[in-house]
N, C-alpha and C. Protein backbone atom coordinates (compact mmCIF):
# COMPACT_ATOMS: atom_id res chain seq x y z
N MET A 1 -218.67 -113.59 -14.47
CA MET A 1 -217.98 -113.33 -15.26
C MET A 1 -216.42 -112.66 -15.24
N ALA A 2 -215.76 -112.88 -16.23
CA ALA A 2 -214.56 -112.63 -16.41
C ALA A 2 -214.07 -111.77 -17.14
N ILE A 3 -213.14 -110.88 -17.10
CA ILE A 3 -212.56 -109.82 -18.23
C ILE A 3 -211.43 -110.03 -17.36
N ASN A 4 -211.03 -110.45 -19.11
CA ASN A 4 -209.23 -110.62 -19.44
C ASN A 4 -208.79 -111.54 -17.58
N GLY A 5 -209.55 -112.38 -17.48
CA GLY A 5 -209.28 -113.05 -15.79
C GLY A 5 -209.58 -112.93 -14.93
N ILE A 6 -210.05 -111.95 -15.34
CA ILE A 6 -209.85 -110.96 -13.52
C ILE A 6 -211.38 -111.14 -13.21
N VAL A 7 -211.46 -111.77 -11.66
CA VAL A 7 -212.90 -112.58 -11.15
C VAL A 7 -212.97 -111.40 -10.15
N LYS A 8 -214.20 -111.72 -9.09
CA LYS A 8 -214.77 -111.06 -8.12
C LYS A 8 -213.21 -111.71 -7.23
N GLY A 9 -213.20 -110.77 -6.21
CA GLY A 9 -211.95 -111.50 -4.98
C GLY A 9 -210.63 -111.59 -5.67
N ASP A 10 -210.64 -111.19 -6.49
CA ASP A 10 -208.72 -111.14 -7.29
C ASP A 10 -208.23 -109.68 -7.12
N THR A 11 -206.71 -109.52 -6.85
CA THR A 11 -206.77 -108.30 -6.29
C THR A 11 -205.80 -107.99 -7.63
N VAL A 12 -205.83 -106.75 -7.36
CA VAL A 12 -205.42 -105.73 -8.82
C VAL A 12 -204.64 -105.01 -8.43
N VAL A 13 -203.50 -104.21 -9.43
CA VAL A 13 -203.20 -102.75 -9.52
C VAL A 13 -203.76 -101.62 -10.66
N ILE A 14 -203.82 -100.79 -10.38
CA ILE A 14 -204.08 -99.07 -10.98
C ILE A 14 -202.50 -99.49 -12.25
N ILE A 15 -203.25 -99.84 -13.16
CA ILE A 15 -201.45 -99.52 -14.11
C ILE A 15 -201.49 -98.43 -14.89
N SER A 16 -202.45 -97.48 -14.85
CA SER A 16 -202.34 -96.13 -15.29
C SER A 16 -203.71 -95.19 -14.94
N GLY A 17 -203.29 -93.37 -14.88
CA GLY A 17 -204.16 -93.13 -14.22
C GLY A 17 -203.79 -92.10 -12.96
N LYS A 18 -205.33 -91.29 -12.78
CA LYS A 18 -204.83 -90.74 -11.23
C LYS A 18 -204.09 -91.81 -9.90
N ASP A 19 -204.36 -92.87 -10.27
CA ASP A 19 -204.51 -94.04 -8.53
C ASP A 19 -203.98 -95.09 -9.13
N LYS A 20 -202.74 -94.60 -10.18
CA LYS A 20 -201.11 -95.48 -11.11
C LYS A 20 -200.38 -96.14 -9.45
N GLY A 21 -200.54 -97.18 -9.56
CA GLY A 21 -199.79 -97.75 -8.47
C GLY A 21 -200.34 -98.40 -7.13
N VAL A 22 -201.64 -97.87 -6.89
CA VAL A 22 -202.72 -98.63 -5.87
C VAL A 22 -203.35 -99.75 -5.84
N THR A 23 -202.78 -100.64 -5.38
CA THR A 23 -203.44 -102.32 -5.51
C THR A 23 -204.70 -102.44 -4.37
N GLY A 24 -205.68 -102.98 -5.45
CA GLY A 24 -207.39 -103.37 -4.31
C GLY A 24 -207.68 -104.55 -4.93
N GLU A 25 -208.82 -105.00 -4.03
CA GLU A 25 -209.94 -106.15 -4.42
C GLU A 25 -210.90 -105.90 -4.94
N VAL A 26 -211.19 -106.42 -6.02
CA VAL A 26 -212.37 -106.68 -6.94
C VAL A 26 -213.26 -107.19 -6.12
N VAL A 27 -213.83 -105.88 -6.26
CA VAL A 27 -215.62 -105.82 -5.56
C VAL A 27 -216.47 -106.75 -6.60
N LYS A 28 -216.99 -106.51 -7.55
CA LYS A 28 -217.10 -106.40 -8.95
C LYS A 28 -216.79 -106.04 -10.35
N VAL A 29 -217.97 -107.23 -10.70
CA VAL A 29 -217.11 -107.13 -12.35
C VAL A 29 -218.14 -106.65 -13.14
N LEU A 30 -218.10 -105.52 -14.33
CA LEU A 30 -219.37 -105.32 -14.66
C LEU A 30 -218.83 -105.55 -16.41
N PRO A 31 -218.97 -106.67 -17.18
CA PRO A 31 -218.33 -107.20 -18.02
C PRO A 31 -219.33 -106.23 -19.80
N LYS A 32 -220.90 -105.80 -19.01
CA LYS A 32 -220.81 -104.99 -20.29
C LYS A 32 -220.08 -103.97 -20.73
N LYS A 33 -220.37 -103.31 -19.50
CA LYS A 33 -219.11 -101.89 -19.52
C LYS A 33 -217.62 -101.52 -19.60
N ASN A 34 -217.13 -103.38 -19.28
CA ASN A 34 -215.85 -103.44 -19.53
C ASN A 34 -215.56 -102.80 -18.72
N ALA A 35 -215.41 -103.00 -17.54
CA ALA A 35 -214.81 -102.35 -16.33
C ALA A 35 -215.40 -103.47 -15.21
N VAL A 36 -214.15 -102.63 -13.97
CA VAL A 36 -214.28 -103.51 -12.32
C VAL A 36 -214.15 -102.53 -11.66
N LEU A 37 -215.47 -102.76 -10.31
CA LEU A 37 -214.81 -101.60 -8.78
C LEU A 37 -214.38 -102.34 -7.97
N VAL A 38 -213.13 -101.09 -8.24
CA VAL A 38 -211.98 -101.83 -6.77
C VAL A 38 -212.11 -101.40 -6.01
N GLU A 39 -211.86 -102.31 -4.57
CA GLU A 39 -212.28 -101.36 -3.45
C GLU A 39 -211.03 -100.78 -3.04
N GLY A 40 -211.88 -99.02 -3.22
CA GLY A 40 -210.79 -97.66 -2.55
C GLY A 40 -210.37 -96.99 -3.22
N VAL A 41 -210.79 -97.39 -5.14
CA VAL A 41 -210.65 -96.75 -5.82
C VAL A 41 -212.26 -96.39 -6.62
N GLY A 42 -211.68 -95.39 -7.05
CA GLY A 42 -213.17 -94.47 -7.83
C GLY A 42 -214.12 -93.87 -6.69
N LYS A 43 -213.71 -93.17 -5.46
CA LYS A 43 -214.82 -93.18 -4.90
C LYS A 43 -214.67 -91.01 -5.54
N LYS A 44 -216.10 -90.92 -5.31
CA LYS A 44 -216.66 -89.66 -5.81
C LYS A 44 -217.48 -89.11 -5.09
N HIS A 45 -218.03 -88.17 -5.53
CA HIS A 45 -219.07 -87.68 -4.20
C HIS A 45 -220.21 -86.85 -5.24
N ARG A 46 -221.81 -87.00 -5.13
CA ARG A 46 -223.10 -86.59 -5.75
C ARG A 46 -223.81 -86.00 -4.77
N HIS A 47 -224.35 -84.72 -5.31
CA HIS A 47 -225.14 -83.82 -4.47
C HIS A 47 -226.82 -84.25 -4.91
N VAL A 48 -227.43 -84.56 -3.79
CA VAL A 48 -228.56 -85.14 -4.04
C VAL A 48 -229.41 -84.11 -3.47
N LYS A 49 -230.27 -83.91 -4.39
CA LYS A 49 -231.62 -83.21 -3.88
C LYS A 49 -232.36 -83.62 -2.79
N PRO A 50 -232.97 -83.14 -2.06
CA PRO A 50 -233.81 -83.21 -1.00
C PRO A 50 -234.92 -83.98 -1.49
N ASN A 51 -235.57 -84.84 -0.60
CA ASN A 51 -236.82 -85.80 -1.10
C ASN A 51 -237.47 -86.37 0.55
N GLN A 52 -238.37 -87.35 0.00
CA GLN A 52 -239.14 -87.68 1.34
C GLN A 52 -239.01 -88.43 1.45
N LEU A 53 -237.83 -88.89 1.56
CA LEU A 53 -236.65 -90.51 1.81
C LEU A 53 -235.57 -89.96 2.81
N ASN A 54 -235.18 -88.53 2.12
CA ASN A 54 -233.60 -87.45 2.26
C ASN A 54 -233.74 -86.44 2.75
N PRO A 55 -234.89 -86.07 3.36
CA PRO A 55 -235.12 -84.28 3.50
C PRO A 55 -234.11 -83.10 3.06
N ARG A 56 -233.14 -83.69 3.92
CA ARG A 56 -231.94 -82.49 3.93
C ARG A 56 -231.35 -82.81 2.34
N GLY A 57 -231.45 -83.97 2.07
CA GLY A 57 -230.58 -83.54 0.82
C GLY A 57 -228.63 -83.70 1.34
N GLY A 58 -228.35 -83.55 0.62
CA GLY A 58 -226.85 -83.34 0.92
C GLY A 58 -226.07 -83.86 -0.21
N VAL A 59 -224.52 -84.54 0.49
CA VAL A 59 -223.43 -85.29 -0.39
C VAL A 59 -223.68 -86.50 -0.43
N LYS A 60 -223.51 -87.16 -1.37
CA LYS A 60 -223.73 -88.85 -1.20
C LYS A 60 -222.33 -89.27 -1.69
N GLU A 61 -221.76 -90.15 -1.22
CA GLU A 61 -220.07 -91.00 -2.04
C GLU A 61 -220.65 -91.98 -2.76
N ILE A 62 -220.43 -92.04 -3.58
CA ILE A 62 -220.60 -93.30 -4.74
C ILE A 62 -219.70 -93.98 -5.29
N HIS A 63 -219.24 -95.28 -6.05
CA HIS A 63 -218.22 -95.76 -6.13
C HIS A 63 -218.49 -96.08 -7.74
N VAL A 64 -217.39 -95.59 -8.70
CA VAL A 64 -217.03 -95.21 -9.75
C VAL A 64 -216.46 -96.48 -10.56
N PRO A 65 -216.72 -97.23 -11.53
CA PRO A 65 -215.83 -98.32 -12.09
C PRO A 65 -214.27 -97.76 -12.86
N THR A 66 -213.64 -98.71 -12.43
CA THR A 66 -212.48 -98.19 -13.22
C THR A 66 -212.36 -98.78 -14.93
N PRO A 67 -212.36 -98.57 -15.82
CA PRO A 67 -212.00 -99.77 -16.77
C PRO A 67 -210.86 -100.61 -17.09
N ALA A 68 -211.53 -101.86 -17.35
CA ALA A 68 -210.66 -103.19 -17.62
C ALA A 68 -209.07 -103.09 -18.31
N HIS A 69 -209.03 -102.10 -18.76
CA HIS A 69 -207.88 -101.79 -19.64
C HIS A 69 -206.74 -100.98 -18.93
N LYS A 70 -206.87 -100.51 -17.68
CA LYS A 70 -206.77 -99.70 -16.56
C LYS A 70 -205.95 -100.39 -15.44
N VAL A 71 -206.42 -102.13 -15.34
CA VAL A 71 -205.66 -102.65 -14.20
C VAL A 71 -205.14 -104.21 -14.59
N LYS A 72 -204.22 -104.19 -13.75
CA LYS A 72 -203.19 -105.85 -14.12
C LYS A 72 -203.65 -106.74 -12.74
N LYS A 73 -204.03 -108.24 -13.15
CA LYS A 73 -204.13 -109.01 -12.40
C LYS A 73 -202.52 -109.22 -11.12
N VAL A 74 -202.92 -109.31 -10.30
CA VAL A 74 -201.73 -109.62 -9.56
C VAL A 74 -201.62 -110.80 -8.34
N GLU A 75 -200.14 -111.62 -8.61
CA GLU A 75 -200.34 -113.07 -8.36
C GLU A 75 -200.82 -112.84 -6.84
N ALA A 76 -201.10 -114.12 -6.10
CA ALA A 76 -201.31 -113.82 -4.50
C ALA A 76 -199.89 -114.32 -3.72
N LYS A 77 -198.50 -114.41 -4.61
CA LYS A 77 -197.85 -115.18 -4.27
C LYS A 77 -197.12 -114.03 -3.00
N SER A 78 -197.17 -112.98 -4.35
CA SER A 78 -196.10 -112.09 -4.29
C SER A 78 -196.89 -110.09 -4.61
N ALA A 79 -197.30 -109.28 -4.16
CA ALA A 79 -197.58 -108.18 -4.51
C ALA A 79 -197.16 -107.10 -5.76
N LYS A 80 -195.96 -107.28 -5.42
CA LYS A 80 -195.01 -107.21 -6.90
C LYS A 80 -195.45 -107.63 -8.07
N LYS A 81 -195.17 -108.97 -7.72
CA LYS A 81 -195.37 -109.82 -9.57
C LYS A 81 -196.93 -109.28 -10.01
N SER A 82 -197.03 -109.39 -11.00
CA SER A 82 -198.58 -109.12 -11.74
C SER A 82 -197.81 -110.84 -13.14
N SER A 83 -199.18 -110.91 -12.97
CA SER A 83 -199.45 -112.13 -14.19
C SER A 83 -199.56 -111.28 -15.49
N LYS A 84 -199.36 -111.99 -16.85
CA LYS A 84 -199.67 -111.42 -17.87
C LYS A 84 -200.46 -112.40 -18.65
N LYS A 85 -201.81 -112.07 -19.08
CA LYS A 85 -202.67 -113.05 -19.80
C LYS A 85 -201.69 -113.88 -20.71
N GLY A 86 -201.39 -115.27 -21.17
CA GLY A 86 -200.63 -116.29 -21.42
C GLY A 86 -199.90 -116.80 -21.03
N ASP A 87 -199.56 -116.26 -19.71
CA ASP A 87 -197.90 -116.89 -19.16
C ASP A 87 -198.43 -117.64 -18.04
N LYS A 88 -197.37 -118.72 -18.27
CA LYS A 88 -197.79 -119.96 -17.37
C LYS A 88 -197.34 -120.53 -16.15
């Protein structure tokens, strides 16, 4: 599935928020949430209680999706140019 022409493997740039200007590759597209997982963006920590599989518990790093309206597809020719929907 694609959101606004963005598919897995595309290079995108973050256009707003705390990671503005960061470029990364799309790892996964989540059309139901209207979001994408971008490599290197959206890393957060989750505190995990001890259980049988993880007796010590601790802090686990998770990947948080970025809303699709905050990313813009970047052309493969140059990382500075970005493509707009409808441009040919």
